[in-house]
């Protein structure tokens, strides 16, 4: 389950795309199976403000029953890569690098059904964002020592938790909805 760690360009304006696993960035991310890794975090650094396109290839190397999607966490757009192998987007050099999720499914996802069951958690700047179409009972944020530092209760839709009083570090966000429990490790800069 290794791969090749991402080496970033010495040219600061060069864009970079990579996957994240085990707190490392990977240019090649070897996975045991897509069933064990249904959601792969994909980072993107623009380098300069502009329009960008992600193009995927060789999806035919997966089984015919593997459906591949790209979720843009900034815009909340879900793209079916089996139907369209390119995704065009606008990015700035200040965007949160933890922008995308590569999703694998055993059957086609209806975009509307997926959104209804979707809860995304990510950090941008000094805030943590939770987008959910489920009723959220509780959002709990823990530091790396496992100490509870923030709690938000009974929300729906987009919730922003301002973390400006906390240090730049990793945090664990646990979201309990009426249907599911979600957890995500995020990094605040």
N, C-alpha and C. Protein backbone atom coordinates (compact mmCIF):
# COMPACT_ATOMS: atom_id res chain seq x y z
N UNK A 1 0.82 -1.17 0.00
CA UNK A 1 0.00 0.00 0.00
C UNK A 1 0.87 1.24 0.00
N UNK A 2 1.90 1.27 -0.80
CA UNK A 2 2.80 2.41 -0.86
C UNK A 2 2.48 3.30 -2.02
N UNK A 3 3.50 3.60 -2.80
CA UNK A 3 3.35 4.49 -3.93
C UNK A 3 4.60 5.32 -4.06
N UNK A 4 4.46 6.51 -4.59
CA UNK A 4 5.58 7.44 -4.73
C UNK A 4 5.16 8.76 -4.10
N UNK A 5 5.96 9.21 -3.13
CA UNK A 5 5.64 10.48 -2.48
C UNK A 5 5.74 11.62 -3.47
N UNK A 6 4.88 12.63 -3.28
CA UNK A 6 4.82 13.78 -4.18
C UNK A 6 6.04 14.67 -3.97
N UNK A 7 6.69 14.99 -5.06
CA UNK A 7 7.76 15.99 -5.06
C UNK A 7 7.20 17.24 -5.72
N UNK A 8 7.22 18.35 -5.02
CA UNK A 8 6.67 19.58 -5.55
C UNK A 8 7.73 20.32 -6.34
N UNK A 9 7.30 21.05 -7.34
CA UNK A 9 8.19 21.81 -8.21
C UNK A 9 8.88 22.93 -7.43
N UNK A 10 10.09 23.25 -7.83
CA UNK A 10 10.77 24.39 -7.23
C UNK A 10 10.19 25.69 -7.78
N UNK A 11 9.44 25.60 -8.86
CA UNK A 11 8.76 26.76 -9.45
C UNK A 11 7.43 26.97 -8.70
N UNK A 12 7.34 28.04 -7.93
CA UNK A 12 6.17 28.24 -7.07
C UNK A 12 4.87 28.45 -7.85
N UNK A 13 4.94 28.79 -9.12
CA UNK A 13 3.72 29.02 -9.91
C UNK A 13 3.21 27.75 -10.59
N UNK A 14 3.93 26.65 -10.44
CA UNK A 14 3.52 25.39 -11.08
C UNK A 14 2.36 24.77 -10.30
N UNK A 15 1.31 24.33 -10.99
CA UNK A 15 0.22 23.64 -10.29
C UNK A 15 0.67 22.26 -9.83
N UNK A 16 -0.02 21.73 -8.81
CA UNK A 16 0.31 20.40 -8.30
C UNK A 16 -0.97 19.67 -7.92
N UNK A 17 -1.02 18.40 -8.27
CA UNK A 17 -2.14 17.55 -7.87
C UNK A 17 -1.56 16.29 -7.26
N UNK A 18 -2.22 15.77 -6.23
CA UNK A 18 -1.68 14.63 -5.49
C UNK A 18 -2.77 14.02 -4.62
N UNK A 19 -2.57 12.80 -4.19
CA UNK A 19 -3.50 12.20 -3.23
C UNK A 19 -2.85 12.24 -1.85
N UNK A 20 -3.68 12.12 -0.84
CA UNK A 20 -3.19 12.17 0.54
C UNK A 20 -3.56 10.87 1.24
N UNK A 21 -2.55 10.30 1.92
CA UNK A 21 -2.75 9.05 2.66
C UNK A 21 -1.68 8.99 3.74
N UNK A 22 -2.06 8.57 4.93
CA UNK A 22 -1.13 8.41 6.04
C UNK A 22 -0.34 9.70 6.30
N UNK A 23 -1.05 10.83 6.24
CA UNK A 23 -0.46 12.16 6.47
C UNK A 23 0.67 12.50 5.52
N UNK A 24 0.69 11.89 4.34
CA UNK A 24 1.69 12.19 3.33
C UNK A 24 1.00 12.48 2.01
N UNK A 25 1.68 13.20 1.14
CA UNK A 25 1.18 13.48 -0.20
C UNK A 25 1.84 12.53 -1.18
N UNK A 26 1.03 11.99 -2.11
CA UNK A 26 1.50 10.96 -3.03
C UNK A 26 1.22 11.35 -4.48
N UNK A 27 2.22 11.21 -5.35
CA UNK A 27 1.97 11.38 -6.78
C UNK A 27 1.45 10.08 -7.37
N UNK A 28 1.87 8.96 -6.81
CA UNK A 28 1.33 7.63 -7.15
C UNK A 28 0.87 7.01 -5.84
N UNK A 29 -0.39 6.62 -5.80
CA UNK A 29 -0.98 6.09 -4.58
C UNK A 29 -1.48 4.68 -4.86
N UNK A 30 -0.73 3.69 -4.42
CA UNK A 30 -1.11 2.30 -4.64
C UNK A 30 -2.13 1.89 -3.58
N UNK A 31 -3.25 1.32 -4.03
CA UNK A 31 -4.33 0.92 -3.14
C UNK A 31 -4.54 -0.58 -3.24
N UNK A 32 -4.96 -1.19 -2.15
CA UNK A 32 -5.21 -2.63 -2.17
C UNK A 32 -6.44 -2.96 -3.02
N UNK A 33 -7.50 -2.16 -2.87
CA UNK A 33 -8.70 -2.34 -3.69
C UNK A 33 -9.55 -1.09 -3.58
N UNK A 34 -10.38 -0.85 -4.58
CA UNK A 34 -11.26 0.31 -4.51
C UNK A 34 -12.36 0.08 -3.48
N UNK A 35 -12.70 -1.17 -3.21
CA UNK A 35 -13.72 -1.45 -2.20
C UNK A 35 -13.24 -1.00 -0.81
N UNK A 36 -11.95 -1.13 -0.55
CA UNK A 36 -11.40 -0.71 0.74
C UNK A 36 -11.11 0.78 0.79
N UNK A 37 -11.14 1.45 -0.34
CA UNK A 37 -10.80 2.87 -0.41
C UNK A 37 -11.83 3.59 -1.28
N UNK A 38 -13.04 3.74 -0.77
CA UNK A 38 -14.13 4.31 -1.56
C UNK A 38 -13.99 5.81 -1.76
N UNK A 39 -13.25 6.50 -0.89
CA UNK A 39 -13.07 7.95 -1.02
C UNK A 39 -11.60 8.29 -0.81
N UNK A 40 -10.96 8.84 -1.83
CA UNK A 40 -9.54 9.18 -1.78
C UNK A 40 -9.41 10.71 -1.78
N UNK A 41 -8.83 11.30 -0.73
CA UNK A 41 -8.61 12.74 -0.76
C UNK A 41 -7.59 13.11 -1.85
N UNK A 42 -7.92 14.13 -2.63
CA UNK A 42 -7.03 14.60 -3.69
C UNK A 42 -6.77 16.09 -3.46
N UNK A 43 -5.50 16.42 -3.31
CA UNK A 43 -5.11 17.81 -3.10
C UNK A 43 -4.76 18.48 -4.41
N UNK A 44 -4.96 19.78 -4.45
CA UNK A 44 -4.60 20.57 -5.63
C UNK A 44 -4.10 21.93 -5.18
N UNK A 45 -2.93 22.31 -5.68
CA UNK A 45 -2.38 23.64 -5.43
C UNK A 45 -2.26 24.34 -6.78
N UNK A 46 -2.91 25.50 -6.90
CA UNK A 46 -2.97 26.18 -8.19
C UNK A 46 -1.66 26.81 -8.60
N UNK A 47 -0.88 27.31 -7.68
CA UNK A 47 0.32 28.05 -8.07
C UNK A 47 0.00 29.47 -8.45
N UNK A 48 -0.86 29.64 -9.45
CA UNK A 48 -1.35 30.96 -9.84
C UNK A 48 -2.86 30.88 -10.05
N UNK A 49 -3.53 32.01 -9.94
CA UNK A 49 -4.97 32.05 -10.17
C UNK A 49 -5.26 31.75 -11.63
N UNK A 50 -6.28 30.91 -11.87
CA UNK A 50 -6.61 30.61 -13.26
C UNK A 50 -7.62 29.50 -13.40
N UNK A 51 -7.80 29.08 -14.66
CA UNK A 51 -8.69 27.99 -15.01
C UNK A 51 -7.85 26.73 -15.19
N UNK A 52 -8.34 25.62 -14.66
CA UNK A 52 -7.61 24.36 -14.70
C UNK A 52 -8.55 23.25 -15.15
N UNK A 53 -7.96 22.17 -15.65
CA UNK A 53 -8.73 21.00 -16.06
C UNK A 53 -8.04 19.75 -15.55
N UNK A 54 -8.81 18.89 -14.92
CA UNK A 54 -8.33 17.57 -14.52
C UNK A 54 -8.86 16.59 -15.56
N UNK A 55 -7.97 15.78 -16.10
CA UNK A 55 -8.36 14.77 -17.08
C UNK A 55 -7.93 13.40 -16.56
N UNK A 56 -8.85 12.46 -16.55
CA UNK A 56 -8.52 11.10 -16.11
C UNK A 56 -8.43 10.20 -17.34
N UNK A 57 -7.63 9.17 -17.21
CA UNK A 57 -7.49 8.21 -18.29
C UNK A 57 -7.40 6.81 -17.71
N UNK A 58 -7.54 5.83 -18.56
CA UNK A 58 -7.41 4.42 -18.20
C UNK A 58 -8.44 3.96 -17.17
N UNK A 59 -9.62 4.55 -17.17
CA UNK A 59 -10.66 4.06 -16.27
C UNK A 59 -11.08 2.64 -16.63
N UNK A 60 -10.77 2.25 -17.87
CA UNK A 60 -11.09 0.88 -18.29
C UNK A 60 -10.21 -0.16 -17.60
N UNK A 61 -9.20 0.29 -16.84
CA UNK A 61 -8.37 -0.66 -16.09
C UNK A 61 -9.09 -1.15 -14.84
N UNK A 62 -10.17 -0.46 -14.45
CA UNK A 62 -11.01 -0.93 -13.35
C UNK A 62 -12.04 -1.91 -13.90
N UNK A 63 -12.68 -2.66 -13.03
CA UNK A 63 -13.73 -3.57 -13.49
C UNK A 63 -14.87 -2.75 -14.08
N UNK A 64 -15.67 -3.38 -14.90
CA UNK A 64 -16.77 -2.67 -15.55
C UNK A 64 -17.84 -2.23 -14.55
N UNK A 65 -17.79 -2.77 -13.33
CA UNK A 65 -18.77 -2.38 -12.31
C UNK A 65 -18.22 -1.34 -11.33
N UNK A 66 -17.10 -0.72 -11.68
CA UNK A 66 -16.56 0.36 -10.84
C UNK A 66 -16.91 1.69 -11.47
N UNK A 67 -17.59 2.51 -10.70
CA UNK A 67 -18.00 3.83 -11.15
C UNK A 67 -17.15 4.86 -10.41
N UNK A 68 -16.64 5.84 -11.14
CA UNK A 68 -15.67 6.78 -10.60
C UNK A 68 -16.22 8.20 -10.67
N UNK A 69 -16.10 8.92 -9.56
CA UNK A 69 -16.62 10.28 -9.46
C UNK A 69 -15.55 11.19 -8.85
N UNK A 70 -15.63 12.47 -9.19
CA UNK A 70 -14.77 13.47 -8.58
C UNK A 70 -15.67 14.47 -7.87
N UNK A 71 -15.45 14.64 -6.58
CA UNK A 71 -16.24 15.58 -5.78
C UNK A 71 -15.38 16.82 -5.52
N UNK A 72 -15.85 17.98 -5.96
CA UNK A 72 -15.19 19.26 -5.70
C UNK A 72 -15.76 19.80 -4.39
N UNK A 73 -14.95 19.79 -3.34
CA UNK A 73 -15.44 20.21 -2.03
C UNK A 73 -15.64 21.72 -1.93
N UNK A 74 -15.02 22.47 -2.80
CA UNK A 74 -15.20 23.93 -2.79
C UNK A 74 -16.53 24.32 -3.39
N UNK A 75 -16.89 23.71 -4.51
CA UNK A 75 -18.12 24.06 -5.21
C UNK A 75 -19.27 23.09 -4.93
N UNK A 76 -18.97 21.97 -4.28
CA UNK A 76 -19.93 20.92 -3.97
C UNK A 76 -20.47 20.26 -5.24
N UNK A 77 -19.65 20.22 -6.31
CA UNK A 77 -20.04 19.58 -7.57
C UNK A 77 -19.53 18.15 -7.59
N UNK A 78 -20.40 17.23 -7.98
CA UNK A 78 -20.03 15.82 -8.13
C UNK A 78 -20.03 15.50 -9.62
N UNK A 79 -18.88 15.07 -10.16
CA UNK A 79 -18.75 14.77 -11.59
C UNK A 79 -18.59 13.27 -11.80
N UNK A 80 -19.35 12.75 -12.75
CA UNK A 80 -19.26 11.34 -13.12
C UNK A 80 -18.13 11.21 -14.15
N UNK A 81 -16.99 10.69 -13.72
CA UNK A 81 -15.83 10.59 -14.61
C UNK A 81 -15.99 9.50 -15.66
N UNK A 82 -16.90 8.55 -15.45
CA UNK A 82 -17.16 7.54 -16.47
C UNK A 82 -17.89 8.15 -17.67
N UNK A 83 -18.67 9.20 -17.43
CA UNK A 83 -19.40 9.88 -18.49
C UNK A 83 -18.59 10.99 -19.14
N UNK A 84 -17.78 11.69 -18.34
CA UNK A 84 -16.97 12.80 -18.85
C UNK A 84 -15.63 12.75 -18.13
N UNK A 85 -14.57 12.46 -18.88
CA UNK A 85 -13.26 12.23 -18.26
C UNK A 85 -12.51 13.52 -17.91
N UNK A 86 -13.14 14.68 -18.12
CA UNK A 86 -12.48 15.93 -17.76
C UNK A 86 -13.35 16.72 -16.79
N UNK A 87 -12.69 17.49 -15.93
CA UNK A 87 -13.38 18.38 -15.01
C UNK A 87 -12.66 19.73 -15.05
N UNK A 88 -13.35 20.77 -15.47
CA UNK A 88 -12.78 22.11 -15.56
C UNK A 88 -13.23 22.92 -14.35
N UNK A 89 -12.32 23.71 -13.79
CA UNK A 89 -12.63 24.49 -12.60
C UNK A 89 -11.70 25.71 -12.53
N UNK A 90 -12.07 26.64 -11.69
CA UNK A 90 -11.27 27.82 -11.44
C UNK A 90 -10.66 27.69 -10.05
N UNK A 91 -9.39 28.06 -9.93
CA UNK A 91 -8.70 27.96 -8.63
C UNK A 91 -7.81 29.17 -8.43
N UNK A 92 -7.56 29.48 -7.17
CA UNK A 92 -6.63 30.56 -6.83
C UNK A 92 -5.50 29.97 -5.99
N UNK A 93 -4.43 30.71 -5.90
CA UNK A 93 -3.28 30.24 -5.12
C UNK A 93 -3.59 30.21 -3.63
N UNK A 94 -4.68 30.86 -3.20
CA UNK A 94 -5.06 30.87 -1.79
C UNK A 94 -6.10 29.81 -1.43
N UNK A 95 -6.55 29.02 -2.41
CA UNK A 95 -7.56 28.00 -2.14
C UNK A 95 -7.02 26.94 -1.19
N UNK A 96 -7.94 26.32 -0.44
CA UNK A 96 -7.59 25.18 0.39
C UNK A 96 -7.12 24.05 -0.52
N UNK A 97 -5.95 23.50 -0.26
CA UNK A 97 -5.40 22.44 -1.11
C UNK A 97 -6.21 21.15 -1.02
N UNK A 98 -6.92 20.93 0.07
CA UNK A 98 -7.73 19.72 0.25
C UNK A 98 -9.07 19.92 -0.44
N UNK A 99 -9.05 19.97 -1.76
CA UNK A 99 -10.21 20.41 -2.53
C UNK A 99 -11.08 19.29 -3.06
N UNK A 100 -10.51 18.12 -3.35
CA UNK A 100 -11.26 17.09 -4.07
C UNK A 100 -11.32 15.77 -3.31
N UNK A 101 -12.32 14.97 -3.67
CA UNK A 101 -12.39 13.57 -3.28
C UNK A 101 -12.59 12.75 -4.55
N UNK A 102 -11.82 11.70 -4.70
CA UNK A 102 -12.02 10.73 -5.78
C UNK A 102 -12.84 9.61 -5.18
N UNK A 103 -14.03 9.37 -5.73
CA UNK A 103 -14.97 8.41 -5.16
C UNK A 103 -15.13 7.21 -6.09
N UNK A 104 -15.17 6.03 -5.49
CA UNK A 104 -15.42 4.80 -6.24
C UNK A 104 -16.70 4.17 -5.70
N UNK A 105 -17.54 3.67 -6.61
CA UNK A 105 -18.79 3.04 -6.22
C UNK A 105 -19.00 1.77 -7.02
N UNK A 106 -19.71 0.81 -6.43
CA UNK A 106 -19.98 -0.46 -7.10
C UNK A 106 -21.19 -0.35 -8.03
N UNK A 107 -21.98 0.71 -7.89
CA UNK A 107 -23.12 0.93 -8.78
C UNK A 107 -23.22 2.42 -9.04
N UNK A 108 -23.89 2.81 -10.12
CA UNK A 108 -23.98 4.24 -10.43
C UNK A 108 -24.65 5.02 -9.31
N UNK A 109 -24.08 6.17 -9.01
CA UNK A 109 -24.69 7.06 -8.03
C UNK A 109 -25.55 8.06 -8.77
N UNK A 110 -26.76 8.25 -8.30
CA UNK A 110 -27.56 9.34 -8.82
C UNK A 110 -27.02 10.60 -8.17
N UNK A 111 -26.75 11.62 -8.96
CA UNK A 111 -26.21 12.86 -8.40
C UNK A 111 -27.13 13.37 -7.30
N UNK A 112 -28.44 13.37 -7.54
CA UNK A 112 -29.36 13.89 -6.53
C UNK A 112 -29.38 12.98 -5.30
N UNK A 113 -29.35 11.65 -5.50
CA UNK A 113 -29.32 10.75 -4.35
C UNK A 113 -28.04 10.89 -3.57
N UNK A 114 -26.94 11.07 -4.28
CA UNK A 114 -25.67 11.21 -3.59
C UNK A 114 -25.65 12.46 -2.73
N UNK A 115 -26.13 13.56 -3.27
CA UNK A 115 -26.12 14.80 -2.51
C UNK A 115 -27.00 14.66 -1.27
N UNK A 116 -28.13 13.97 -1.38
CA UNK A 116 -29.00 13.81 -0.22
C UNK A 116 -28.33 13.02 0.89
N UNK A 117 -27.41 12.14 0.55
CA UNK A 117 -26.75 11.33 1.56
C UNK A 117 -25.36 11.86 1.90
N UNK A 118 -25.01 13.01 1.37
CA UNK A 118 -23.64 13.48 1.48
C UNK A 118 -23.44 14.43 2.64
N UNK A 119 -22.34 14.24 3.32
CA UNK A 119 -21.85 15.18 4.32
C UNK A 119 -20.37 15.33 4.06
N UNK A 120 -19.94 16.56 3.78
CA UNK A 120 -18.52 16.80 3.55
C UNK A 120 -17.98 17.66 4.67
N UNK A 121 -16.72 17.39 5.02
CA UNK A 121 -16.04 18.09 6.10
C UNK A 121 -14.68 18.52 5.56
N UNK A 122 -14.37 19.81 5.67
CA UNK A 122 -13.06 20.26 5.23
C UNK A 122 -12.69 21.56 5.93
N UNK A 123 -11.42 21.91 5.89
CA UNK A 123 -10.93 23.14 6.50
C UNK A 123 -10.50 24.08 5.38
N UNK A 124 -10.72 25.36 5.61
CA UNK A 124 -10.26 26.40 4.68
C UNK A 124 -9.95 27.62 5.52
N UNK A 125 -8.72 28.13 5.38
CA UNK A 125 -8.32 29.26 6.20
C UNK A 125 -8.31 28.86 7.66
N UNK A 126 -8.98 29.64 8.50
CA UNK A 126 -9.03 29.30 9.91
C UNK A 126 -10.42 28.85 10.33
N UNK A 127 -11.15 28.21 9.40
CA UNK A 127 -12.49 27.71 9.69
C UNK A 127 -12.63 26.27 9.23
N UNK A 128 -13.56 25.57 9.88
CA UNK A 128 -13.93 24.22 9.47
C UNK A 128 -15.33 24.29 8.90
N UNK A 129 -15.52 23.68 7.72
CA UNK A 129 -16.79 23.71 7.02
C UNK A 129 -17.41 22.32 7.03
N UNK A 130 -18.69 22.27 7.34
CA UNK A 130 -19.45 21.03 7.29
C UNK A 130 -20.66 21.30 6.39
N UNK A 131 -20.76 20.57 5.28
CA UNK A 131 -21.91 20.67 4.38
C UNK A 131 -22.68 19.36 4.47
N UNK A 132 -23.96 19.45 4.83
CA UNK A 132 -24.74 18.22 4.95
C UNK A 132 -26.18 18.47 4.54
N UNK A 133 -26.73 17.50 3.84
CA UNK A 133 -28.15 17.54 3.53
C UNK A 133 -28.93 16.66 4.51
N UNK A 134 -28.25 16.22 5.55
CA UNK A 134 -28.88 15.48 6.63
C UNK A 134 -28.97 16.40 7.84
N UNK A 135 -29.92 16.16 8.72
CA UNK A 135 -30.00 16.94 9.95
C UNK A 135 -28.84 16.53 10.85
N UNK A 136 -28.06 17.52 11.25
CA UNK A 136 -26.88 17.26 12.07
C UNK A 136 -27.26 17.42 13.53
N UNK A 137 -27.08 16.35 14.31
CA UNK A 137 -27.35 16.41 15.74
C UNK A 137 -26.21 17.10 16.47
N UNK A 138 -24.97 16.72 16.11
CA UNK A 138 -23.83 17.28 16.83
C UNK A 138 -22.57 17.25 15.98
N UNK A 139 -21.80 18.34 16.08
CA UNK A 139 -20.47 18.43 15.49
C UNK A 139 -19.50 18.55 16.66
N UNK A 140 -18.53 17.64 16.73
CA UNK A 140 -17.53 17.67 17.79
C UNK A 140 -16.16 17.81 17.15
N UNK A 141 -15.34 18.71 17.68
CA UNK A 141 -14.00 18.94 17.15
C UNK A 141 -13.00 18.63 18.26
N UNK A 142 -12.03 17.76 17.92
CA UNK A 142 -11.04 17.30 18.88
C UNK A 142 -9.64 17.71 18.42
N UNK A 143 -8.77 18.00 19.39
CA UNK A 143 -7.37 18.24 19.04
C UNK A 143 -6.67 16.90 18.89
N UNK A 144 -5.38 16.91 18.57
CA UNK A 144 -4.65 15.67 18.32
C UNK A 144 -4.42 14.85 19.59
N UNK A 145 -4.67 15.44 20.76
CA UNK A 145 -4.58 14.70 22.03
C UNK A 145 -5.90 14.02 22.36
N UNK A 146 -6.91 14.23 21.50
CA UNK A 146 -8.22 13.62 21.73
C UNK A 146 -9.11 14.44 22.65
N UNK A 147 -8.71 15.67 22.95
CA UNK A 147 -9.51 16.53 23.82
C UNK A 147 -10.58 17.25 23.01
N UNK A 148 -11.80 17.23 23.51
CA UNK A 148 -12.90 17.94 22.87
C UNK A 148 -12.68 19.43 23.06
N UNK A 149 -12.65 20.20 21.95
CA UNK A 149 -12.40 21.64 22.07
C UNK A 149 -13.57 22.50 21.58
N UNK A 150 -14.43 21.95 20.73
CA UNK A 150 -15.59 22.71 20.23
C UNK A 150 -16.75 21.75 19.99
N UNK A 151 -17.97 22.24 20.23
CA UNK A 151 -19.18 21.46 19.96
C UNK A 151 -20.23 22.40 19.36
N UNK A 152 -20.89 21.92 18.30
CA UNK A 152 -22.02 22.64 17.71
C UNK A 152 -23.15 21.64 17.62
N UNK A 153 -24.37 22.07 17.98
CA UNK A 153 -25.49 21.13 17.99
C UNK A 153 -26.63 21.60 17.10
N UNK A 154 -27.35 20.62 16.58
CA UNK A 154 -28.59 20.84 15.84
C UNK A 154 -28.46 21.86 14.70
N UNK A 155 -27.77 21.44 13.63
CA UNK A 155 -27.63 22.30 12.46
C UNK A 155 -28.13 21.56 11.22
N UNK A 156 -28.22 22.29 10.13
CA UNK A 156 -28.62 21.71 8.85
C UNK A 156 -28.00 22.55 7.75
N UNK A 157 -27.57 21.91 6.67
CA UNK A 157 -26.98 22.63 5.55
C UNK A 157 -25.51 22.89 5.79
N UNK A 158 -25.10 24.13 5.53
CA UNK A 158 -23.68 24.50 5.65
C UNK A 158 -23.43 25.12 7.02
N UNK A 159 -22.48 24.55 7.74
CA UNK A 159 -22.08 25.07 9.05
C UNK A 159 -20.61 25.44 8.98
N UNK A 160 -20.29 26.63 9.47
CA UNK A 160 -18.91 27.10 9.51
C UNK A 160 -18.52 27.29 10.97
N UNK A 161 -17.45 26.60 11.38
CA UNK A 161 -16.94 26.73 12.74
C UNK A 161 -15.65 27.54 12.68
N UNK A 162 -15.67 28.73 13.24
CA UNK A 162 -14.50 29.61 13.24
C UNK A 162 -13.49 29.09 14.26
N UNK A 163 -12.27 28.84 13.80
CA UNK A 163 -11.22 28.27 14.66
C UNK A 163 -10.07 29.26 14.84
N UNK A 164 -10.32 30.56 14.68
CA UNK A 164 -9.23 31.54 14.72
C UNK A 164 -8.52 31.59 16.07
N UNK A 165 -9.14 31.10 17.13
CA UNK A 165 -8.51 31.10 18.46
C UNK A 165 -7.66 29.86 18.72
N UNK A 166 -7.53 29.00 17.71
CA UNK A 166 -6.76 27.76 17.87
C UNK A 166 -5.54 27.77 16.95
N UNK A 167 -4.53 27.02 17.36
CA UNK A 167 -3.26 26.98 16.62
C UNK A 167 -3.42 26.23 15.30
N UNK A 168 -2.54 26.53 14.36
CA UNK A 168 -2.47 25.77 13.11
C UNK A 168 -2.06 24.35 13.47
N UNK A 169 -2.89 23.40 13.11
CA UNK A 169 -2.63 22.00 13.48
C UNK A 169 -3.69 21.12 12.82
N UNK A 170 -3.56 19.81 13.06
CA UNK A 170 -4.58 18.86 12.65
C UNK A 170 -5.66 18.80 13.72
N UNK A 171 -6.90 18.60 13.28
CA UNK A 171 -8.03 18.44 14.17
C UNK A 171 -8.91 17.31 13.64
N UNK A 172 -9.59 16.63 14.53
CA UNK A 172 -10.53 15.58 14.14
C UNK A 172 -11.94 16.14 14.29
N UNK A 173 -12.72 16.03 13.22
CA UNK A 173 -14.10 16.52 13.24
C UNK A 173 -15.02 15.32 13.16
N UNK A 174 -15.93 15.22 14.12
CA UNK A 174 -16.91 14.12 14.16
C UNK A 174 -18.29 14.73 14.01
N UNK A 175 -19.03 14.28 13.00
CA UNK A 175 -20.36 14.80 12.72
C UNK A 175 -21.36 13.66 12.88
N UNK A 176 -22.32 13.84 13.78
CA UNK A 176 -23.37 12.86 14.02
C UNK A 176 -24.65 13.42 13.43
N UNK A 177 -25.21 12.72 12.42
CA UNK A 177 -26.47 13.14 11.81
C UNK A 177 -27.56 12.18 12.25
N UNK A 178 -28.76 12.43 11.78
CA UNK A 178 -29.87 11.53 12.09
C UNK A 178 -29.73 10.19 11.38
N UNK A 179 -28.81 10.11 10.36
CA UNK A 179 -28.65 8.89 9.59
C UNK A 179 -27.29 8.23 9.74
N UNK A 180 -26.22 9.02 9.96
CA UNK A 180 -24.86 8.49 9.92
C UNK A 180 -23.96 9.21 10.90
N UNK A 181 -22.73 8.68 11.02
CA UNK A 181 -21.67 9.33 11.76
C UNK A 181 -20.50 9.49 10.80
N UNK A 182 -19.95 10.71 10.68
CA UNK A 182 -18.84 11.00 9.78
C UNK A 182 -17.68 11.52 10.61
N UNK A 183 -16.46 11.16 10.23
CA UNK A 183 -15.27 11.69 10.87
C UNK A 183 -14.28 12.07 9.79
N UNK A 184 -13.55 13.13 10.04
CA UNK A 184 -12.54 13.59 9.08
C UNK A 184 -11.43 14.30 9.83
N UNK A 185 -10.19 14.04 9.43
CA UNK A 185 -9.06 14.79 9.95
C UNK A 185 -8.84 15.97 9.02
N UNK A 186 -8.75 17.17 9.60
CA UNK A 186 -8.54 18.38 8.81
C UNK A 186 -7.31 19.12 9.33
N UNK A 187 -6.74 19.97 8.49
CA UNK A 187 -5.59 20.76 8.89
C UNK A 187 -5.93 22.23 8.76
N UNK A 188 -5.73 22.96 9.84
CA UNK A 188 -5.93 24.41 9.82
C UNK A 188 -4.59 25.08 9.68
N UNK A 189 -4.51 26.08 8.79
CA UNK A 189 -3.25 26.79 8.58
C UNK A 189 -3.20 28.03 9.44
